[in-house]
Amino acid sequence: MRRLMIRLTAVIAVCGLAAWQLSSPKSLPEAALADLVGDADAGEQVFHAAGCASCHAAPEARGDDKLVLVGGMRFASPFGTFIAPNISSDPIHGIGGWSKTDLANAMLYGTSPTGQHYYPAFPYGSYVRMKLRRDGLQDLANLHAFMQTLPASETPSQPHEVGFPFNIRRGLGLWKRVFLDDYWVASMPLESAPLQRGRYLVEALGHCGECHTPRNPVGAPINAQWLAGAANPSGEGRIPAINALDWSEKDIAYYLETGFTPDFDSAGGHMAAVVENLAKLPTSDRAAIAAYLAALP
């Protein structure tokens, strides 16, 4: 019996060590962005494409107040309620003290500067694909430069309202091992530059699949049903499919700029904020998104 207990203890210790190693946070080497100089003007376009203000501005913010990324917006889910944190330029309560690499680690791997896992309510599951494009790291450097120019807020971030076992963040490391996909989802050939740009904006920066793709029981997108529509995480209503639109590319691009559909309806809910962001992008970017969506099988 004593030998059995010793062996059992050894097996448990080995399994625990393996789980600890497998669940460890992933990060870039500090030198990964060292040679990249951020361009704040270019970073503003990345900021709008990534929809940063849509989640991190105060819930009732309007106009220029949306550039004060104080956080506080609540996102209900089957796992609890996630509350967007302060990502303003404040060095204590926001991310003003972050380096370019800190921002890249957060967006690509969901890893904080202190080595803590972020919940995938932060769409790093899509942002991770930024590294698949040659200029993706430069976009991160540009975004970092722009965000440093935004107003600071001393409002502390609110804790997420997540219960056991989902409040054990170390477990997210195992979730990432299985579900953090750093490959393009669309399998069709994309030979033209506009289509490649559209894929980058939809699959990575714009993170469209985070809302429009259904999720499995542990909250990971089911990429076999890419953009096929999904239940609203709040439990109210359904988010529509956008992988089989019967709109022309011109209709799609016009909707992304104005929020008006060909049927004279208009965007509402969170999509209204998405349209507000996309309207600030170059016309060529909205056309690229439209071309990508129209090309989906």
Protein backbone atom coordinates (compact mmCIF):
# COMPACT_ATOMS: atom_id res chain seq x y z
CA MET A 1 0.00 0.00 0.00
CA ARG A 2 2.84 2.37 0.84
CA ARG A 3 4.51 1.76 -2.54
CA LEU A 4 1.18 2.29 -4.29
CA MET A 5 0.70 5.63 -2.53
CA ILE A 6 4.22 6.73 -3.45
CA ARG A 7 3.65 5.86 -7.09
CA LEU A 8 0.25 7.54 -7.12
CA THR A 9 1.73 10.68 -5.57
CA ALA A 10 4.51 10.66 -8.17
CA VAL A 11 2.00 10.31 -11.02
CA ILE A 12 -0.12 13.16 -9.65
CA ALA A 13 2.98 15.34 -9.29
CA VAL A 14 4.10 14.64 -12.87
CA CYS A 15 0.60 15.31 -14.25
CA GLY A 16 0.38 18.52 -12.24
CA LEU A 17 3.74 19.71 -13.52
CA ALA A 18 2.76 18.88 -17.10
CA ALA A 19 -0.53 20.76 -16.74
CA TRP A 20 1.31 23.72 -15.25
CA GLN A 21 3.73 23.79 -18.17
CA LEU A 22 1.00 23.37 -20.79
CA SER A 23 -1.09 26.14 -19.24
CA SER A 24 1.75 28.65 -19.05
CA PRO A 25 1.18 31.99 -20.82
CA LYS A 26 2.75 32.51 -24.24
CA SER A 27 4.54 35.73 -25.18
CA LEU A 28 6.78 37.29 -27.80
CA PRO A 29 10.48 37.88 -27.19
CA GLU A 30 11.05 41.45 -26.03
CA ALA A 31 13.04 42.20 -29.19
CA ALA A 32 10.18 41.21 -31.53
CA LEU A 33 8.98 44.80 -32.00
CA ALA A 34 12.19 46.59 -30.97
CA ASP A 35 13.02 47.80 -34.47
CA LEU A 36 9.48 48.91 -35.32
CA VAL A 37 8.72 52.62 -34.97
CA GLY A 38 5.05 53.28 -34.33
CA ASP A 39 3.15 55.76 -36.52
CA ALA A 40 0.26 57.25 -34.55
CA ASP A 41 -1.62 58.40 -37.67
CA ALA A 42 -1.54 54.90 -39.15
CA GLY A 43 -2.37 53.52 -35.71
CA GLU A 44 -5.64 55.47 -35.68
CA GLN A 45 -6.86 53.37 -38.62
CA VAL A 46 -5.86 50.18 -36.79
CA PHE A 47 -7.72 51.46 -33.71
CA HIS A 48 -10.96 51.92 -35.64
CA ALA A 49 -10.63 48.64 -37.56
CA ALA A 50 -10.05 46.74 -34.30
CA GLY A 51 -13.08 48.37 -32.66
CA CYS A 52 -11.24 49.30 -29.46
CA ALA A 53 -13.62 52.11 -28.49
CA SER A 54 -16.70 49.94 -29.07
CA CYS A 55 -15.91 47.89 -25.98
CA HIS A 56 -13.63 50.07 -23.88
CA ALA A 57 -15.33 53.46 -23.97
CA ALA A 58 -17.80 54.23 -21.19
CA PRO A 59 -21.22 52.65 -21.94
CA GLU A 60 -22.94 55.98 -22.57
CA ALA A 61 -20.01 57.79 -24.20
CA ARG A 62 -20.64 59.80 -27.34
CA GLY A 63 -18.42 61.69 -29.78
CA ASP A 64 -14.89 62.45 -28.60
CA ASP A 65 -15.71 60.95 -25.19
CA LYS A 66 -15.38 57.55 -26.88
CA LEU A 67 -11.64 58.15 -27.01
CA VAL A 68 -11.50 58.02 -23.21
CA LEU A 69 -11.10 54.26 -22.89
CA VAL A 70 -12.26 54.06 -19.31
CA GLY A 71 -13.98 50.69 -19.66
CA GLY A 72 -17.06 49.59 -17.73
CA MET A 73 -19.13 48.06 -20.51
CA ARG A 74 -20.68 44.76 -19.40
CA PHE A 75 -20.79 41.61 -21.53
CA ALA A 76 -23.06 38.84 -20.29
CA SER A 77 -22.21 35.25 -21.20
CA PRO A 78 -22.97 31.68 -20.06
CA PHE A 79 -19.75 31.84 -17.99
CA GLY A 80 -20.48 35.06 -16.16
CA THR A 81 -20.36 38.77 -16.90
CA PHE A 82 -17.17 40.27 -18.25
CA ILE A 83 -16.51 43.97 -17.71
CA ALA A 84 -14.29 45.85 -20.13
CA PRO A 85 -11.21 47.24 -18.34
CA ASN A 86 -9.64 50.68 -18.45
CA ILE A 87 -7.17 50.74 -21.38
CA SER A 88 -6.64 54.49 -21.40
CA SER A 89 -3.16 56.02 -21.39
CA ASP A 90 -3.14 56.30 -17.60
CA PRO A 91 0.06 54.51 -16.46
CA ILE A 92 -1.52 53.09 -13.28
CA HIS A 93 -5.16 52.32 -14.01
CA GLY A 94 -4.81 52.00 -17.79
CA ILE A 95 -2.10 50.76 -20.14
CA GLY A 96 -0.02 53.92 -20.41
CA GLY A 97 2.95 52.09 -18.95
CA TRP A 98 2.82 49.23 -21.43
CA SER A 99 5.53 48.68 -24.03
CA LYS A 100 4.80 47.78 -27.65
CA THR A 101 5.56 44.18 -26.78
CA ASP A 102 3.14 44.25 -23.82
CA LEU A 103 0.35 45.33 -26.17
CA ALA A 104 1.33 42.72 -28.75
CA ASN A 105 1.32 39.93 -26.14
CA ALA A 106 -2.13 40.98 -24.96
CA MET A 107 -3.61 41.12 -28.45
CA LEU A 108 -1.91 38.08 -29.95
CA TYR A 109 -1.82 35.69 -27.01
CA GLY A 110 -4.13 37.08 -24.33
CA THR A 111 -1.18 37.46 -21.95
CA SER A 112 -0.86 40.38 -19.53
CA PRO A 113 2.44 42.15 -18.75
CA THR A 114 2.50 40.22 -15.45
CA GLY A 115 2.00 36.87 -17.17
CA GLN A 116 -1.70 36.45 -16.38
CA HIS A 117 -4.17 34.97 -18.87
CA TYR A 118 -6.88 37.26 -20.21
CA TYR A 119 -10.34 35.86 -20.77
CA PRO A 120 -11.23 35.30 -24.44
CA ALA A 121 -14.04 37.83 -24.10
CA PHE A 122 -11.10 39.98 -25.23
CA PRO A 123 -10.95 38.82 -28.88
CA TYR A 124 -7.29 37.79 -29.02
CA GLY A 125 -8.57 34.59 -30.65
CA SER A 126 -9.00 36.75 -33.76
CA TYR A 127 -6.23 39.30 -33.20
CA VAL A 128 -3.70 36.43 -33.10
CA ARG A 129 -4.08 36.25 -36.89
CA MET A 130 -2.48 39.68 -37.19
CA LYS A 131 0.90 37.95 -37.11
CA LEU A 132 -0.02 36.03 -40.28
CA ARG A 133 0.23 39.22 -42.32
CA ARG A 134 3.65 40.68 -43.01
CA ASP A 135 2.74 44.11 -41.67
CA GLY A 136 0.73 42.81 -38.70
CA LEU A 137 3.42 43.56 -36.09
CA GLN A 138 3.86 47.02 -37.59
CA ASP A 139 0.12 47.57 -37.16
CA LEU A 140 0.54 46.70 -33.47
CA ALA A 141 3.39 49.17 -33.11
CA ASN A 142 1.28 51.83 -34.84
CA LEU A 143 -1.70 51.07 -32.59
CA HIS A 144 0.50 51.39 -29.52
CA ALA A 145 1.74 54.80 -30.70
CA PHE A 146 -1.82 56.05 -31.29
CA MET A 147 -3.18 54.80 -27.98
CA GLN A 148 -0.47 56.67 -26.11
CA THR A 149 -1.94 59.91 -27.53
CA LEU A 150 -5.43 59.27 -26.12
CA PRO A 151 -6.75 60.82 -22.89
CA ALA A 152 -5.93 59.17 -19.56
CA SER A 153 -8.49 58.12 -16.99
CA GLU A 154 -7.81 57.30 -13.35
CA THR A 155 -10.95 55.17 -13.04
CA PRO A 156 -9.99 51.68 -11.81
CA SER A 157 -11.05 48.66 -13.84
CA GLN A 158 -13.91 46.64 -12.35
CA PRO A 159 -13.43 42.92 -11.63
CA HIS A 160 -15.22 40.41 -13.83
CA GLU A 161 -18.24 38.70 -12.32
CA VAL A 162 -17.18 35.13 -13.02
CA GLY A 163 -17.62 32.24 -10.60
CA PHE A 164 -15.85 28.94 -10.01
CA PRO A 165 -14.31 27.20 -11.95
CA PHE A 166 -14.06 29.93 -14.61
CA ASN A 167 -12.35 32.30 -12.19
CA ILE A 168 -9.26 30.05 -12.22
CA ARG A 169 -7.38 31.82 -14.97
CA ARG A 170 -4.59 29.27 -15.18
CA GLY A 171 -7.07 26.94 -16.83
CA LEU A 172 -7.28 29.37 -19.74
CA GLY A 173 -3.80 28.26 -20.73
CA LEU A 174 -5.15 24.80 -21.53
CA TRP A 175 -8.09 26.38 -23.38
CA LYS A 176 -5.64 28.36 -25.51
CA ARG A 177 -3.61 25.25 -26.27
CA VAL A 178 -6.68 23.68 -27.85
CA PHE A 179 -8.57 26.61 -29.34
CA LEU A 180 -6.21 29.53 -30.06
CA ASP A 181 -5.93 29.12 -33.84
CA ASP A 182 -3.21 31.10 -35.58
CA TYR A 183 -4.28 30.25 -39.12
CA TRP A 184 -6.70 31.78 -41.62
CA VAL A 185 -10.21 30.37 -41.47
CA ALA A 186 -11.27 30.94 -45.09
CA SER A 187 -10.01 28.08 -47.23
CA MET A 188 -10.68 29.55 -50.68
CA PRO A 189 -7.73 30.99 -52.63
CA LEU A 190 -7.31 34.73 -52.19
CA GLU A 191 -4.97 35.85 -54.93
CA SER A 192 -5.82 39.54 -55.17
CA ALA A 193 -4.54 42.17 -52.74
CA PRO A 194 -8.08 43.46 -51.93
CA LEU A 195 -9.26 39.96 -50.98
CA GLN A 196 -6.21 39.41 -48.80
CA ARG A 197 -6.81 42.78 -47.15
CA GLY A 198 -10.47 41.88 -46.64
CA ARG A 199 -9.53 38.59 -44.99
CA TYR A 200 -7.15 40.42 -42.65
CA LEU A 201 -9.83 42.95 -41.69
CA VAL A 202 -12.59 40.35 -41.20
CA GLU A 203 -10.68 37.46 -39.64
CA ALA A 204 -8.10 39.40 -37.62
CA LEU A 205 -8.53 43.12 -36.93
CA GLY A 206 -12.30 43.34 -37.28
CA HIS A 207 -12.82 40.03 -35.40
CA CYS A 208 -16.19 39.53 -37.09
CA GLY A 209 -16.24 35.84 -36.23
CA GLU A 210 -16.31 36.60 -32.50
CA CYS A 211 -19.99 37.51 -32.78
CA HIS A 212 -21.15 35.94 -36.05
CA THR A 213 -19.77 32.41 -35.53
CA PRO A 214 -21.44 29.91 -33.14
CA ARG A 215 -19.47 28.63 -30.15
CA ASN A 216 -19.01 25.24 -28.58
CA PRO A 217 -19.89 24.46 -24.92
CA VAL A 218 -16.56 25.87 -23.67
CA GLY A 219 -16.90 29.13 -25.57
CA ALA A 220 -14.61 28.52 -28.55
CA PRO A 221 -15.77 29.52 -32.07
CA ILE A 222 -16.85 26.61 -34.26
CA ASN A 223 -14.87 27.50 -37.37
CA ALA A 224 -16.61 24.80 -39.43
CA GLN A 225 -19.62 27.16 -39.18
CA TRP A 226 -17.61 30.32 -39.86
CA LEU A 227 -19.82 33.45 -39.88
CA ALA A 228 -22.97 31.28 -40.00
CA GLY A 229 -24.73 33.24 -37.26
CA ALA A 230 -24.85 32.61 -33.53
CA ALA A 231 -26.90 32.91 -30.39
CA ASN A 232 -26.45 36.19 -28.58
CA PRO A 233 -24.22 35.52 -25.52
CA SER A 234 -26.62 37.58 -23.43
CA GLY A 235 -29.32 35.01 -24.16
CA GLU A 236 -31.51 37.50 -26.02
CA GLY A 237 -31.99 37.17 -29.76
CA ARG A 238 -29.66 35.85 -32.43
CA ILE A 239 -26.74 37.35 -34.35
CA PRO A 240 -27.29 36.91 -38.12
CA ALA A 241 -25.22 34.91 -40.58
CA ILE A 242 -22.98 36.93 -42.90
CA ASN A 243 -21.40 34.06 -44.84
CA ALA A 244 -24.13 33.83 -47.45
CA LEU A 245 -25.36 37.37 -48.00
CA ASP A 246 -27.47 37.92 -51.10
CA TRP A 247 -26.21 41.50 -51.27
CA SER A 248 -23.88 42.87 -53.90
CA GLU A 249 -20.40 44.02 -52.90
CA LYS A 250 -21.62 47.59 -53.36
CA ASP A 251 -24.54 46.94 -50.96
CA ILE A 252 -22.21 45.46 -48.33
CA ALA A 253 -19.74 48.34 -48.57
CA TYR A 254 -22.57 50.89 -48.35
CA TYR A 255 -23.97 49.15 -45.25
CA LEU A 256 -20.54 49.20 -43.58
CA GLU A 257 -20.34 52.94 -44.19
CA THR A 258 -23.90 54.04 -43.40
CA GLY A 259 -25.59 51.20 -41.52
CA PHE A 260 -28.42 51.04 -44.08
CA THR A 261 -29.32 47.72 -45.67
CA PRO A 262 -30.67 47.22 -49.21
CA ASP A 263 -34.06 46.56 -47.57
CA PHE A 264 -34.07 50.05 -46.00
CA ASP A 265 -33.40 48.67 -42.52
CA SER A 266 -30.58 49.98 -40.32
CA ALA A 267 -27.90 48.54 -38.05
CA GLY A 268 -28.69 48.39 -34.35
CA GLY A 269 -27.15 47.19 -31.10
CA HIS A 270 -23.41 46.56 -31.14
CA MET A 271 -23.41 46.53 -34.93
CA ALA A 272 -24.18 50.24 -34.94
CA ALA A 273 -20.87 50.83 -33.15
CA VAL A 274 -19.09 48.58 -35.66
CA VAL A 275 -20.47 50.64 -38.54
CA GLU A 276 -19.41 53.83 -36.77
CA ASN A 277 -15.85 52.50 -36.66
CA LEU A 278 -15.75 51.13 -40.20
CA ALA A 279 -17.09 54.40 -41.60
CA LYS A 280 -13.81 55.98 -40.49
CA LEU A 281 -11.72 53.60 -42.58
CA PRO A 282 -10.67 54.26 -46.19
CA THR A 283 -13.22 53.38 -48.86
CA SER A 284 -10.81 50.72 -50.11
CA ASP A 285 -10.96 48.89 -46.78
CA ARG A 286 -14.76 48.66 -46.77
CA ALA A 287 -14.60 47.48 -50.38
CA ALA A 288 -12.04 44.83 -49.37
CA ILE A 289 -14.32 43.56 -46.57
CA ALA A 290 -17.23 43.44 -49.01
CA ALA A 291 -15.15 41.52 -51.56
CA TYR A 292 -14.08 38.97 -48.95
CA LEU A 293 -17.63 38.39 -47.65
CA ALA A 294 -18.99 38.10 -51.20
CA ALA A 295 -16.28 35.54 -52.05
CA LEU A 296 -17.11 33.19 -49.19
CA PRO A 297 -18.43 29.84 -50.43
